[in-house]
Amino acid sequence: MTTATKWALAAGVLALALIVALLPRVDDATDPSGARAADDLGAAREAAALQPCPSGSENAADSGELSGVTATCLADGSRVDVGAALSGEPTLVNFWATWCKPCRDELPLLAEYAEQPGAIRVLTVQVESSEREGLDLLAELGVELPGFHDGDGPTGPVRTALRVPRALPASYLVSADGDVRLVTEPRLFTSVQEIRDAVGGAA
């Protein structure tokens, strides 16, 4: 092997090593934060500080229309059987979206109601926007109710099971044995008293 060939090989090895060394820097340039996991919602979940989702019981009775329906828990990203989670205790379930102005007004009222003595469990279901957007809005509003994410598209398993109307917000009363009823009087809560009246004998 000639001296020129040796030098050529050495130069090639050095060039290859330089390319490999620079690759992480190229990646960092596309992600200034250096966070390779762009979908990591840890910080958003921590800021929102949501209450944990109910998990129900393995021995839960049949949960009617929601039996076997799963959704993502906003608090920790786990998948939860919604029917099992809601069984055994009356629950007010509220569907909302980040683009929905009335939802933004209603969510704090639901949180206020949930803190009162004698209130039934309140659970929210975010739809039609990303988990991050939902978590950011809840943190902004200071609403820490437990909640599920039913997908960022026009449909989701929970919405399909309950035939949720496109006009939001929409609230449902789920009885301890799984019976589900859409709250129609009123469709939009404008006071804590209206929520208390709508819940009625379920409390």
N, C-alpha and C. Protein backbone atom coordinates (compact mmCIF):
# COMPACT_ATOMS: atom_id res chain seq x y z
N MET A 1 0.85 -1.18 0.00
CA MET A 1 0.00 0.00 0.00
C MET A 1 0.89 1.24 0.00
N THR A 2 0.62 2.14 -0.91
CA THR A 2 1.46 3.34 -1.03
C THR A 2 1.11 4.34 0.06
N THR A 3 2.01 5.27 0.26
CA THR A 3 1.77 6.31 1.26
C THR A 3 0.53 7.14 0.91
N ALA A 4 0.33 7.40 -0.37
CA ALA A 4 -0.82 8.19 -0.81
C ALA A 4 -2.12 7.47 -0.48
N THR A 5 -2.12 6.13 -0.68
CA THR A 5 -3.32 5.34 -0.39
C THR A 5 -3.63 5.36 1.10
N LYS A 6 -2.56 5.21 1.93
CA LYS A 6 -2.75 5.25 3.37
C LYS A 6 -3.36 6.58 3.82
N TRP A 7 -2.82 7.66 3.25
CA TRP A 7 -3.36 8.98 3.61
C TRP A 7 -4.81 9.12 3.16
N ALA A 8 -5.15 8.57 2.01
CA ALA A 8 -6.52 8.65 1.51
C ALA A 8 -7.47 7.89 2.42
N LEU A 9 -7.03 6.69 2.88
CA LEU A 9 -7.85 5.90 3.79
C LEU A 9 -8.05 6.61 5.13
N ALA A 10 -6.96 7.19 5.63
CA ALA A 10 -7.04 7.90 6.90
C ALA A 10 -7.99 9.09 6.80
N ALA A 11 -7.92 9.79 5.68
CA ALA A 11 -8.80 10.94 5.48
C ALA A 11 -10.26 10.50 5.41
N GLY A 12 -10.50 9.34 4.75
CA GLY A 12 -11.86 8.83 4.67
C GLY A 12 -12.42 8.46 6.02
N VAL A 13 -11.57 7.79 6.85
CA VAL A 13 -12.01 7.41 8.19
C VAL A 13 -12.34 8.65 9.02
N LEU A 14 -11.48 9.66 8.94
CA LEU A 14 -11.72 10.89 9.69
C LEU A 14 -12.99 11.58 9.23
N ALA A 15 -13.23 11.60 7.94
CA ALA A 15 -14.44 12.24 7.40
C ALA A 15 -15.69 11.52 7.89
N LEU A 16 -15.64 10.18 7.89
CA LEU A 16 -16.78 9.39 8.35
C LEU A 16 -17.04 9.65 9.84
N ALA A 17 -15.96 9.69 10.64
CA ALA A 17 -16.11 9.95 12.06
C ALA A 17 -16.71 11.33 12.31
N LEU A 18 -16.31 12.31 11.50
CA LEU A 18 -16.81 13.66 11.64
C LEU A 18 -18.31 13.71 11.33
N ILE A 19 -18.73 12.99 10.29
CA ILE A 19 -20.16 12.95 9.93
C ILE A 19 -20.99 12.35 11.06
N VAL A 20 -20.50 11.23 11.60
CA VAL A 20 -21.22 10.56 12.70
C VAL A 20 -21.30 11.47 13.92
N ALA A 21 -20.22 12.18 14.20
CA ALA A 21 -20.20 13.06 15.37
C ALA A 21 -21.16 14.23 15.22
N LEU A 22 -21.38 14.67 13.99
CA LEU A 22 -22.24 15.83 13.76
C LEU A 22 -23.73 15.48 13.69
N LEU A 23 -24.06 14.20 13.48
CA LEU A 23 -25.46 13.81 13.32
C LEU A 23 -26.34 14.24 14.49
N PRO A 24 -25.96 14.01 15.74
CA PRO A 24 -26.80 14.46 16.87
C PRO A 24 -27.02 15.95 16.87
N ARG A 25 -25.98 16.73 16.42
CA ARG A 25 -26.12 18.17 16.40
C ARG A 25 -27.14 18.59 15.36
N VAL A 26 -27.22 17.87 14.23
CA VAL A 26 -28.23 18.18 13.22
C VAL A 26 -29.61 17.96 13.79
N ASP A 27 -29.78 16.84 14.53
CA ASP A 27 -31.07 16.56 15.16
C ASP A 27 -31.44 17.65 16.14
N ASP A 28 -30.43 18.10 16.93
CA ASP A 28 -30.69 19.13 17.92
C ASP A 28 -31.12 20.42 17.26
N ALA A 29 -30.60 20.67 16.04
CA ALA A 29 -30.95 21.90 15.35
C ALA A 29 -32.42 21.93 15.00
N THR A 30 -33.00 20.75 14.73
CA THR A 30 -34.42 20.70 14.41
C THR A 30 -35.26 20.68 15.67
N ASP A 31 -34.65 20.51 16.82
CA ASP A 31 -35.36 20.48 18.08
C ASP A 31 -34.55 21.30 19.08
N PRO A 32 -34.74 22.61 19.10
CA PRO A 32 -33.92 23.48 19.93
C PRO A 32 -33.93 23.10 21.40
N SER A 33 -35.00 22.52 21.88
CA SER A 33 -35.06 22.16 23.29
C SER A 33 -34.21 20.96 23.61
N GLY A 34 -33.80 20.23 22.55
CA GLY A 34 -33.03 19.02 22.76
C GLY A 34 -33.90 17.87 23.22
N ALA A 35 -35.21 18.08 23.28
CA ALA A 35 -36.13 17.03 23.72
C ALA A 35 -36.50 16.19 22.52
N ARG A 36 -35.95 14.97 22.46
CA ARG A 36 -36.20 14.12 21.32
C ARG A 36 -37.61 13.57 21.35
N ALA A 37 -38.21 13.44 22.53
CA ALA A 37 -39.57 12.91 22.63
C ALA A 37 -40.55 14.07 22.57
N ALA A 38 -40.92 14.47 21.33
CA ALA A 38 -41.78 15.63 21.15
C ALA A 38 -43.17 15.40 21.72
N ASP A 39 -43.56 14.15 21.84
CA ASP A 39 -44.89 13.85 22.32
C ASP A 39 -44.94 13.65 23.83
N ASP A 40 -43.85 13.92 24.52
CA ASP A 40 -43.82 13.74 25.96
C ASP A 40 -44.69 14.81 26.62
N LEU A 41 -45.74 14.37 27.30
CA LEU A 41 -46.68 15.30 27.90
C LEU A 41 -46.46 15.45 29.40
N GLY A 42 -45.33 14.96 29.89
CA GLY A 42 -45.09 14.99 31.32
C GLY A 42 -45.22 16.36 31.94
N ALA A 43 -44.63 17.37 31.32
CA ALA A 43 -44.67 18.72 31.88
C ALA A 43 -46.09 19.27 31.86
N ALA A 44 -46.81 19.01 30.77
CA ALA A 44 -48.19 19.50 30.66
C ALA A 44 -49.09 18.82 31.69
N ARG A 45 -48.87 17.51 31.90
CA ARG A 45 -49.68 16.80 32.90
C ARG A 45 -49.37 17.33 34.30
N GLU A 46 -48.11 17.61 34.56
CA GLU A 46 -47.72 18.11 35.88
C GLU A 46 -48.33 19.48 36.13
N ALA A 47 -48.34 20.34 35.09
CA ALA A 47 -48.89 21.68 35.25
C ALA A 47 -50.40 21.64 35.46
N ALA A 48 -51.08 20.72 34.77
CA ALA A 48 -52.53 20.62 34.92
C ALA A 48 -52.92 20.03 36.27
N ALA A 49 -52.11 19.12 36.79
CA ALA A 49 -52.34 18.51 38.12
C ALA A 49 -53.75 17.95 38.26
N LEU A 50 -54.19 17.19 37.25
CA LEU A 50 -55.53 16.64 37.28
C LEU A 50 -55.66 15.53 38.31
N GLN A 51 -56.87 15.37 38.82
CA GLN A 51 -57.15 14.26 39.71
C GLN A 51 -57.06 12.96 38.93
N PRO A 52 -56.66 11.87 39.54
CA PRO A 52 -56.55 10.59 38.83
C PRO A 52 -57.91 10.11 38.33
N CYS A 53 -57.90 9.39 37.24
CA CYS A 53 -59.13 8.84 36.70
C CYS A 53 -59.59 7.67 37.55
N PRO A 54 -60.90 7.52 37.71
CA PRO A 54 -61.38 6.33 38.41
C PRO A 54 -61.06 5.10 37.57
N SER A 55 -60.76 4.01 38.22
CA SER A 55 -60.42 2.78 37.49
C SER A 55 -61.49 1.72 37.61
N GLY A 56 -62.43 1.91 38.54
CA GLY A 56 -63.48 0.92 38.71
C GLY A 56 -62.96 -0.34 39.36
N SER A 57 -63.71 -1.40 39.21
CA SER A 57 -63.36 -2.68 39.83
C SER A 57 -63.42 -3.79 38.81
N GLU A 58 -62.55 -4.77 38.99
CA GLU A 58 -62.57 -5.93 38.09
C GLU A 58 -63.90 -6.67 38.20
N ASN A 59 -64.57 -6.51 39.33
CA ASN A 59 -65.83 -7.19 39.55
C ASN A 59 -67.02 -6.27 39.28
N ALA A 60 -66.77 -5.17 38.53
CA ALA A 60 -67.84 -4.22 38.27
C ALA A 60 -68.96 -4.88 37.48
N ALA A 61 -70.18 -4.45 37.78
CA ALA A 61 -71.33 -4.96 37.05
C ALA A 61 -71.31 -4.44 35.63
N ASP A 62 -72.13 -5.01 34.77
CA ASP A 62 -72.22 -4.56 33.39
C ASP A 62 -72.51 -3.06 33.36
N SER A 63 -71.76 -2.33 32.56
CA SER A 63 -71.86 -0.88 32.57
C SER A 63 -72.62 -0.34 31.36
N GLY A 64 -73.54 -1.13 30.85
CA GLY A 64 -74.44 -0.66 29.81
C GLY A 64 -73.76 -0.20 28.54
N GLU A 65 -74.15 0.98 28.06
CA GLU A 65 -73.67 1.49 26.78
C GLU A 65 -72.15 1.69 26.74
N LEU A 66 -71.54 1.86 27.88
CA LEU A 66 -70.10 2.11 27.94
C LEU A 66 -69.29 0.85 28.24
N SER A 67 -69.93 -0.28 28.27
CA SER A 67 -69.24 -1.53 28.57
C SER A 67 -68.14 -1.81 27.55
N GLY A 68 -66.91 -1.97 28.03
CA GLY A 68 -65.78 -2.28 27.15
C GLY A 68 -65.21 -1.11 26.38
N VAL A 69 -65.74 0.09 26.56
CA VAL A 69 -65.25 1.28 25.86
C VAL A 69 -64.04 1.84 26.61
N THR A 70 -62.95 2.08 25.88
CA THR A 70 -61.74 2.59 26.52
C THR A 70 -61.38 3.98 26.02
N ALA A 71 -60.69 4.73 26.88
CA ALA A 71 -60.21 6.07 26.54
C ALA A 71 -58.93 6.33 27.30
N THR A 72 -58.24 7.41 26.93
CA THR A 72 -56.98 7.78 27.58
C THR A 72 -57.25 8.70 28.77
N CYS A 73 -56.65 8.37 29.90
CA CYS A 73 -56.76 9.23 31.08
C CYS A 73 -55.84 10.44 30.89
N LEU A 74 -56.41 11.64 30.97
CA LEU A 74 -55.61 12.85 30.78
C LEU A 74 -54.56 13.03 31.87
N ALA A 75 -54.83 12.53 33.06
CA ALA A 75 -53.91 12.74 34.17
C ALA A 75 -52.58 12.04 34.00
N ASP A 76 -52.61 10.81 33.42
CA ASP A 76 -51.35 10.04 33.33
C ASP A 76 -51.14 9.32 32.01
N GLY A 77 -52.07 9.43 31.07
CA GLY A 77 -51.90 8.80 29.76
C GLY A 77 -52.25 7.33 29.70
N SER A 78 -52.74 6.77 30.80
CA SER A 78 -53.09 5.34 30.81
C SER A 78 -54.40 5.12 30.07
N ARG A 79 -54.60 3.88 29.60
CA ARG A 79 -55.85 3.51 28.96
C ARG A 79 -56.79 2.95 30.03
N VAL A 80 -58.03 3.43 30.02
CA VAL A 80 -58.98 3.06 31.06
C VAL A 80 -60.27 2.55 30.43
N ASP A 81 -60.83 1.49 31.02
CA ASP A 81 -62.15 1.01 30.61
C ASP A 81 -63.17 1.97 31.22
N VAL A 82 -63.78 2.78 30.38
CA VAL A 82 -64.67 3.83 30.87
C VAL A 82 -65.89 3.24 31.56
N GLY A 83 -66.47 2.20 30.98
CA GLY A 83 -67.63 1.59 31.59
C GLY A 83 -67.36 1.08 32.99
N ALA A 84 -66.24 0.38 33.15
CA ALA A 84 -65.88 -0.14 34.47
C ALA A 84 -65.57 1.00 35.43
N ALA A 85 -64.93 2.05 34.94
CA ALA A 85 -64.56 3.17 35.79
C ALA A 85 -65.78 3.89 36.35
N LEU A 86 -66.85 3.94 35.56
CA LEU A 86 -68.03 4.69 35.97
C LEU A 86 -69.04 3.85 36.74
N SER A 87 -68.85 2.55 36.77
CA SER A 87 -69.84 1.70 37.43
C SER A 87 -69.78 1.85 38.94
N GLY A 88 -70.92 1.65 39.56
CA GLY A 88 -70.97 1.63 41.02
C GLY A 88 -71.16 2.97 41.69
N GLU A 89 -71.13 4.07 40.93
CA GLU A 89 -71.26 5.40 41.54
C GLU A 89 -71.86 6.36 40.52
N PRO A 90 -72.91 7.11 40.90
CA PRO A 90 -73.48 8.07 39.94
C PRO A 90 -72.45 9.11 39.54
N THR A 91 -72.45 9.45 38.27
CA THR A 91 -71.41 10.35 37.74
C THR A 91 -72.01 11.30 36.71
N LEU A 92 -71.59 12.55 36.77
CA LEU A 92 -71.93 13.53 35.75
C LEU A 92 -70.75 13.59 34.79
N VAL A 93 -70.98 13.24 33.53
CA VAL A 93 -69.92 13.19 32.52
C VAL A 93 -70.11 14.34 31.55
N ASN A 94 -69.08 15.17 31.41
CA ASN A 94 -69.17 16.37 30.58
C ASN A 94 -68.21 16.28 29.39
N PHE A 95 -68.74 16.44 28.17
CA PHE A 95 -67.93 16.44 26.95
C PHE A 95 -67.63 17.87 26.55
N TRP A 96 -66.36 18.14 26.24
CA TRP A 96 -65.93 19.49 25.93
C TRP A 96 -64.80 19.49 24.93
N ALA A 97 -64.53 20.65 24.34
CA ALA A 97 -63.42 20.81 23.40
C ALA A 97 -62.75 22.16 23.64
N THR A 98 -61.49 22.26 23.29
CA THR A 98 -60.74 23.50 23.56
C THR A 98 -61.26 24.67 22.72
N TRP A 99 -61.84 24.39 21.55
CA TRP A 99 -62.33 25.46 20.69
C TRP A 99 -63.71 25.96 21.10
N CYS A 100 -64.32 25.28 22.08
CA CYS A 100 -65.70 25.56 22.47
C CYS A 100 -65.74 26.62 23.58
N LYS A 101 -66.16 27.84 23.23
CA LYS A 101 -66.20 28.94 24.22
C LYS A 101 -67.15 28.62 25.37
N PRO A 102 -68.37 28.12 25.14
CA PRO A 102 -69.23 27.79 26.28
C PRO A 102 -68.62 26.73 27.20
N CYS A 103 -67.81 25.83 26.63
CA CYS A 103 -67.15 24.82 27.46
C CYS A 103 -66.20 25.47 28.44
N ARG A 104 -65.49 26.49 27.99
CA ARG A 104 -64.53 27.19 28.85
C ARG A 104 -65.25 27.85 30.03
N ASP A 105 -66.48 28.31 29.78
CA ASP A 105 -67.25 28.93 30.86
C ASP A 105 -67.84 27.89 31.80
N GLU A 106 -68.17 26.72 31.26
CA GLU A 106 -68.85 25.71 32.04
C GLU A 106 -67.91 24.88 32.92
N LEU A 107 -66.71 24.60 32.44
CA LEU A 107 -65.79 23.74 33.18
C LEU A 107 -65.50 24.23 34.60
N PRO A 108 -65.23 25.52 34.82
CA PRO A 108 -65.00 25.97 36.20
C PRO A 108 -66.23 25.79 37.10
N LEU A 109 -67.43 25.91 36.52
CA LEU A 109 -68.65 25.69 37.30
C LEU A 109 -68.76 24.24 37.73
N LEU A 110 -68.41 23.33 36.83
CA LEU A 110 -68.43 21.91 37.17
C LEU A 110 -67.43 21.60 38.27
N ALA A 111 -66.26 22.23 38.20
CA ALA A 111 -65.25 22.02 39.24
C ALA A 111 -65.72 22.56 40.58
N GLU A 112 -66.39 23.71 40.54
CA GLU A 112 -66.91 24.29 41.78
C GLU A 112 -68.00 23.39 42.38
N TYR A 113 -68.88 22.89 41.52
CA TYR A 113 -69.93 21.99 42.00
C TYR A 113 -69.33 20.74 42.64
N ALA A 114 -68.32 20.16 41.99
CA ALA A 114 -67.72 18.90 42.45
C ALA A 114 -67.11 19.02 43.85
N GLU A 115 -66.76 20.23 44.26
CA GLU A 115 -66.14 20.43 45.56
C GLU A 115 -67.16 20.58 46.69
N GLN A 116 -68.43 20.68 46.35
CA GLN A 116 -69.45 20.93 47.37
C GLN A 116 -69.89 19.64 48.05
N PRO A 117 -70.28 19.73 49.31
CA PRO A 117 -70.79 18.56 50.02
C PRO A 117 -72.01 17.98 49.30
N GLY A 118 -72.06 16.66 49.19
CA GLY A 118 -73.20 16.00 48.57
C GLY A 118 -73.14 15.93 47.06
N ALA A 119 -72.09 16.50 46.44
CA ALA A 119 -71.98 16.46 44.98
C ALA A 119 -71.67 15.05 44.51
N ILE A 120 -72.20 14.68 43.35
CA ILE A 120 -71.82 13.39 42.76
C ILE A 120 -70.50 13.57 42.02
N ARG A 121 -69.90 12.49 41.65
CA ARG A 121 -68.62 12.53 40.93
C ARG A 121 -68.81 13.23 39.57
N VAL A 122 -67.85 14.05 39.22
CA VAL A 122 -67.86 14.73 37.92
C VAL A 122 -66.63 14.30 37.15
N LEU A 123 -66.82 13.92 35.90
CA LEU A 123 -65.72 13.48 35.05
C LEU A 123 -65.87 14.15 33.69
N THR A 124 -64.76 14.64 33.13
CA THR A 124 -64.82 15.32 31.85
C THR A 124 -64.25 14.44 30.74
N VAL A 125 -64.69 14.69 29.51
CA VAL A 125 -64.17 13.99 28.33
C VAL A 125 -63.82 15.02 27.28
N GLN A 126 -62.52 15.17 27.03
CA GLN A 126 -62.04 16.12 26.02
C GLN A 126 -62.11 15.48 24.64
N VAL A 127 -62.56 16.26 23.65
CA VAL A 127 -62.69 15.75 22.28
C VAL A 127 -62.16 16.77 21.27
N GLU A 128 -61.85 16.27 20.08
CA GLU A 128 -61.56 17.09 18.90
C GLU A 128 -60.37 18.04 19.03
N SER A 129 -59.44 17.75 19.92
CA SER A 129 -58.20 18.51 19.99
C SER A 129 -57.18 17.65 20.73
N SER A 130 -55.92 18.03 20.63
CA SER A 130 -54.86 17.20 21.20
C SER A 130 -54.88 17.21 22.72
N GLU A 131 -54.30 16.17 23.30
CA GLU A 131 -54.18 16.11 24.76
C GLU A 131 -53.45 17.32 25.30
N ARG A 132 -52.37 17.73 24.62
CA ARG A 132 -51.59 18.87 25.10
C ARG A 132 -52.44 20.13 25.16
N GLU A 133 -53.24 20.37 24.12
CA GLU A 133 -54.10 21.55 24.11
C GLU A 133 -55.09 21.50 25.27
N GLY A 134 -55.64 20.30 25.50
CA GLY A 134 -56.60 20.14 26.60
C GLY A 134 -55.96 20.37 27.95
N LEU A 135 -54.79 19.78 28.16
CA LEU A 135 -54.09 19.94 29.43
C LEU A 135 -53.72 21.40 29.67
N ASP A 136 -53.28 22.08 28.62
CA ASP A 136 -52.90 23.49 28.76
C ASP A 136 -54.11 24.34 29.15
N LEU A 137 -55.27 24.06 28.53
CA LEU A 137 -56.46 24.84 28.85
C LEU A 137 -56.93 24.57 30.28
N LEU A 138 -56.93 23.31 30.68
CA LEU A 138 -57.34 22.98 32.04
C LEU A 138 -56.43 23.63 33.07
N ALA A 139 -55.13 23.67 32.77
CA ALA A 139 -54.19 24.34 33.68
C ALA A 139 -54.49 25.83 33.74
N GLU A 140 -54.81 26.42 32.60
CA GLU A 140 -55.14 27.85 32.55
C GLU A 140 -56.40 28.15 33.36
N LEU A 141 -57.40 27.27 33.26
CA LEU A 141 -58.66 27.47 33.97
C LEU A 141 -58.59 27.06 35.43
N GLY A 142 -57.57 26.30 35.80
CA GLY A 142 -57.47 25.81 37.16
C GLY A 142 -58.46 24.71 37.47
N VAL A 143 -58.88 23.99 36.43
CA VAL A 143 -59.84 22.90 36.59
C VAL A 143 -59.07 21.58 36.68
N GLU A 144 -59.20 20.90 37.81
CA GLU A 144 -58.42 19.68 38.05
C GLU A 144 -59.28 18.43 38.10
N LEU A 145 -60.46 18.49 37.53
CA LEU A 145 -61.36 17.34 37.52
C LEU A 145 -60.72 16.16 36.78
N PRO A 146 -61.01 14.94 37.17
CA PRO A 146 -60.50 13.80 36.41
C PRO A 146 -61.12 13.81 35.02
N GLY A 147 -60.36 13.38 34.03
CA GLY A 147 -60.91 13.44 32.68
C GLY A 147 -60.27 12.45 31.73
N PHE A 148 -61.01 12.15 30.67
CA PHE A 148 -60.54 11.27 29.60
C PHE A 148 -60.34 12.07 28.32
N HIS A 149 -59.51 11.54 27.44
CA HIS A 149 -59.34 12.10 26.10
C HIS A 149 -59.91 11.09 25.11
N ASP A 150 -60.90 11.54 24.33
CA ASP A 150 -61.60 10.64 23.40
C ASP A 150 -61.16 10.85 21.96
N GLY A 151 -59.91 11.28 21.78
CA GLY A 151 -59.36 11.45 20.43
C GLY A 151 -59.55 12.85 19.92
N ASP A 152 -58.65 13.26 18.98
CA ASP A 152 -58.70 14.62 18.46
C ASP A 152 -59.43 14.72 17.13
N GLY A 153 -60.08 13.64 16.70
CA GLY A 153 -60.86 13.66 15.46
C GLY A 153 -62.33 13.91 15.72
N PRO A 154 -63.16 13.85 14.67
CA PRO A 154 -64.59 14.13 14.81
C PRO A 154 -65.37 13.04 15.54
N THR A 155 -64.78 11.85 15.69
CA THR A 155 -65.44 10.78 16.41
C THR A 155 -64.45 10.10 17.36
N GLY A 156 -64.98 9.37 18.33
CA GLY A 156 -64.17 8.63 19.28
C GLY A 156 -65.03 7.55 19.89
N PRO A 157 -64.42 6.56 20.54
CA PRO A 157 -65.19 5.43 21.07
C PRO A 157 -66.24 5.83 22.10
N VAL A 158 -65.93 6.78 22.97
CA VAL A 158 -66.90 7.19 23.98
C VAL A 158 -68.05 7.95 23.33
N ARG A 159 -67.72 8.86 22.41
CA ARG A 159 -68.76 9.62 21.70
C ARG A 159 -69.65 8.69 20.89
N THR A 160 -69.04 7.70 20.25
CA THR A 160 -69.82 6.77 19.45
C THR A 160 -70.77 5.97 20.32
N ALA A 161 -70.28 5.51 21.47
CA ALA A 161 -71.11 4.69 22.35
C ALA A 161 -72.32 5.46 22.87
N LEU A 162 -72.15 6.74 23.14
CA LEU A 162 -73.23 7.54 23.71
C LEU A 162 -73.95 8.39 22.68
N ARG A 163 -73.50 8.33 21.42
CA ARG A 163 -74.10 9.14 20.35
C ARG A 163 -74.14 10.62 20.76
N VAL A 164 -72.98 11.10 21.15
CA VAL A 164 -72.85 12.48 21.63
C VAL A 164 -73.09 13.46 20.49
N PRO A 165 -73.93 14.47 20.69
CA PRO A 165 -74.18 15.47 19.64
C PRO A 165 -72.93 16.28 19.34
N ARG A 166 -72.83 16.79 18.12
CA ARG A 166 -71.67 17.59 17.74
C ARG A 166 -71.64 18.92 18.48
N ALA A 167 -72.83 19.46 18.81
CA ALA A 167 -72.88 20.74 19.52
C ALA A 167 -72.44 20.53 20.97
N LEU A 168 -71.38 21.22 21.36
CA LEU A 168 -70.82 21.08 22.69
C LEU A 168 -70.99 22.38 23.47
N PRO A 169 -70.98 22.26 24.82
CA PRO A 169 -70.76 21.06 25.63
C PRO A 169 -71.99 20.17 25.68
N ALA A 170 -71.77 18.94 26.16
CA ALA A 170 -72.86 18.00 26.36
C ALA A 170 -72.57 17.22 27.64
N SER A 171 -73.56 17.10 28.50
CA SER A 171 -73.37 16.40 29.77
C SER A 171 -74.34 15.24 29.88
N TYR A 172 -73.87 14.18 30.52
CA TYR A 172 -74.66 12.97 30.72
C TYR A 172 -74.65 12.59 32.19
N LEU A 173 -75.79 12.09 32.65
CA LEU A 173 -75.86 11.50 33.98
C LEU A 173 -75.77 9.99 33.82
N VAL A 174 -74.78 9.40 34.47
CA VAL A 174 -74.60 7.95 34.43
C VAL A 174 -74.92 7.42 35.82
N SER A 175 -75.91 6.55 35.91
CA SER A 175 -76.31 6.01 37.20
C SER A 175 -75.31 4.96 37.68
N ALA A 176 -75.44 4.55 38.94
CA ALA A 176 -74.52 3.57 39.51
C ALA A 176 -74.57 2.25 38.77
N ASP A 177 -75.71 1.93 38.15
CA ASP A 177 -75.81 0.66 37.43
C ASP A 177 -75.63 0.80 35.92
N GLY A 178 -75.14 1.97 35.48
CA GLY A 178 -74.76 2.14 34.08
C GLY A 178 -75.78 2.77 33.16
N ASP A 179 -76.96 3.14 33.67
CA ASP A 179 -77.93 3.83 32.82
C ASP A 179 -77.42 5.22 32.50
N VAL A 180 -77.59 5.63 31.24
CA VAL A 180 -77.04 6.91 30.78
C VAL A 180 -78.16 7.80 30.26
N ARG A 181 -78.14 9.07 30.68
CA ARG A 181 -79.15 10.02 30.23
C ARG A 181 -78.50 11.35 29.88
N LEU A 182 -78.80 11.85 28.66
CA LEU A 182 -78.31 13.15 28.25
C LEU A 182 -79.04 14.24 29.02
N VAL A 183 -78.30 15.18 29.58
CA VAL A 183 -78.91 16.30 30.29
C VAL A 183 -79.36 17.32 29.26
N THR A 184 -80.65 17.59 29.23
CA THR A 184 -81.20 18.52 28.24
C THR A 184 -81.76 19.79 28.87
N GLU A 185 -81.99 19.77 30.17
CA GLU A 185 -82.52 20.95 30.87
C GLU A 185 -81.62 21.33 32.03
N PRO A 186 -80.66 22.21 31.81
CA PRO A 186 -80.32 22.86 30.55
C PRO A 186 -79.23 22.10 29.80
N ARG A 187 -79.04 22.39 28.51
CA ARG A 187 -77.91 21.81 27.80
C ARG A 187 -76.60 22.46 28.23
N LEU A 188 -76.64 23.73 28.58
CA LEU A 188 -75.45 24.46 29.03
C LEU A 188 -75.67 24.95 30.45
N PHE A 189 -74.77 24.58 31.35
CA PHE A 189 -74.86 25.05 32.73
C PHE A 189 -74.27 26.46 32.84
N THR A 190 -75.04 27.36 33.45
CA THR A 190 -74.54 28.72 33.66
C THR A 190 -74.39 29.06 35.13
N SER A 191 -74.69 28.09 36.00
CA SER A 191 -74.52 28.30 37.44
C SER A 191 -74.38 26.95 38.13
N VAL A 192 -73.81 26.98 39.32
CA VAL A 192 -73.67 25.76 40.11
C VAL A 192 -75.05 25.23 40.49
N GLN A 193 -75.99 26.13 40.74
CA GLN A 193 -77.34 25.71 41.11
C GLN A 193 -77.99 24.92 39.98
N GLU A 194 -77.76 25.31 38.75
CA GLU A 194 -78.32 24.56 37.62
C GLU A 194 -77.76 23.15 37.58
N ILE A 195 -76.49 23.00 37.90
CA ILE A 195 -75.90 21.66 37.93
C ILE A 195 -76.53 20.85 39.04
N ARG A 196 -76.69 21.45 40.19
CA ARG A 196 -77.29 20.76 41.33
C ARG A 196 -78.72 20.33 41.00
N ASP A 197 -79.47 21.20 40.34
CA ASP A 197 -80.84 20.86 39.97
C ASP A 197 -80.89 19.74 38.93
N ALA A 198 -79.97 19.78 37.97
CA ALA A 198 -79.97 18.76 36.92
C ALA A 198 -79.62 17.38 37.47
N VAL A 199 -78.73 17.36 38.45
CA VAL A 199 -78.34 16.09 39.07
C VAL A 199 -79.50 15.52 39.88
N GLY A 200 -80.21 16.39 40.56
CA GLY A 200 -81.41 16.00 41.28
C GLY A 200 -81.20 14.82 42.21
N GLY A 201 -82.06 13.81 42.04
CA GLY A 201 -82.04 12.66 42.92
C GLY A 201 -80.87 11.73 42.73
N ALA A 202 -79.98 12.00 41.75
CA ALA A 202 -78.83 11.12 41.54
C ALA A 202 -77.80 11.28 42.64
N ALA A 203 -77.83 12.42 43.34
CA ALA A 203 -76.83 12.67 44.38
C ALA A 203 -77.06 11.79 45.59
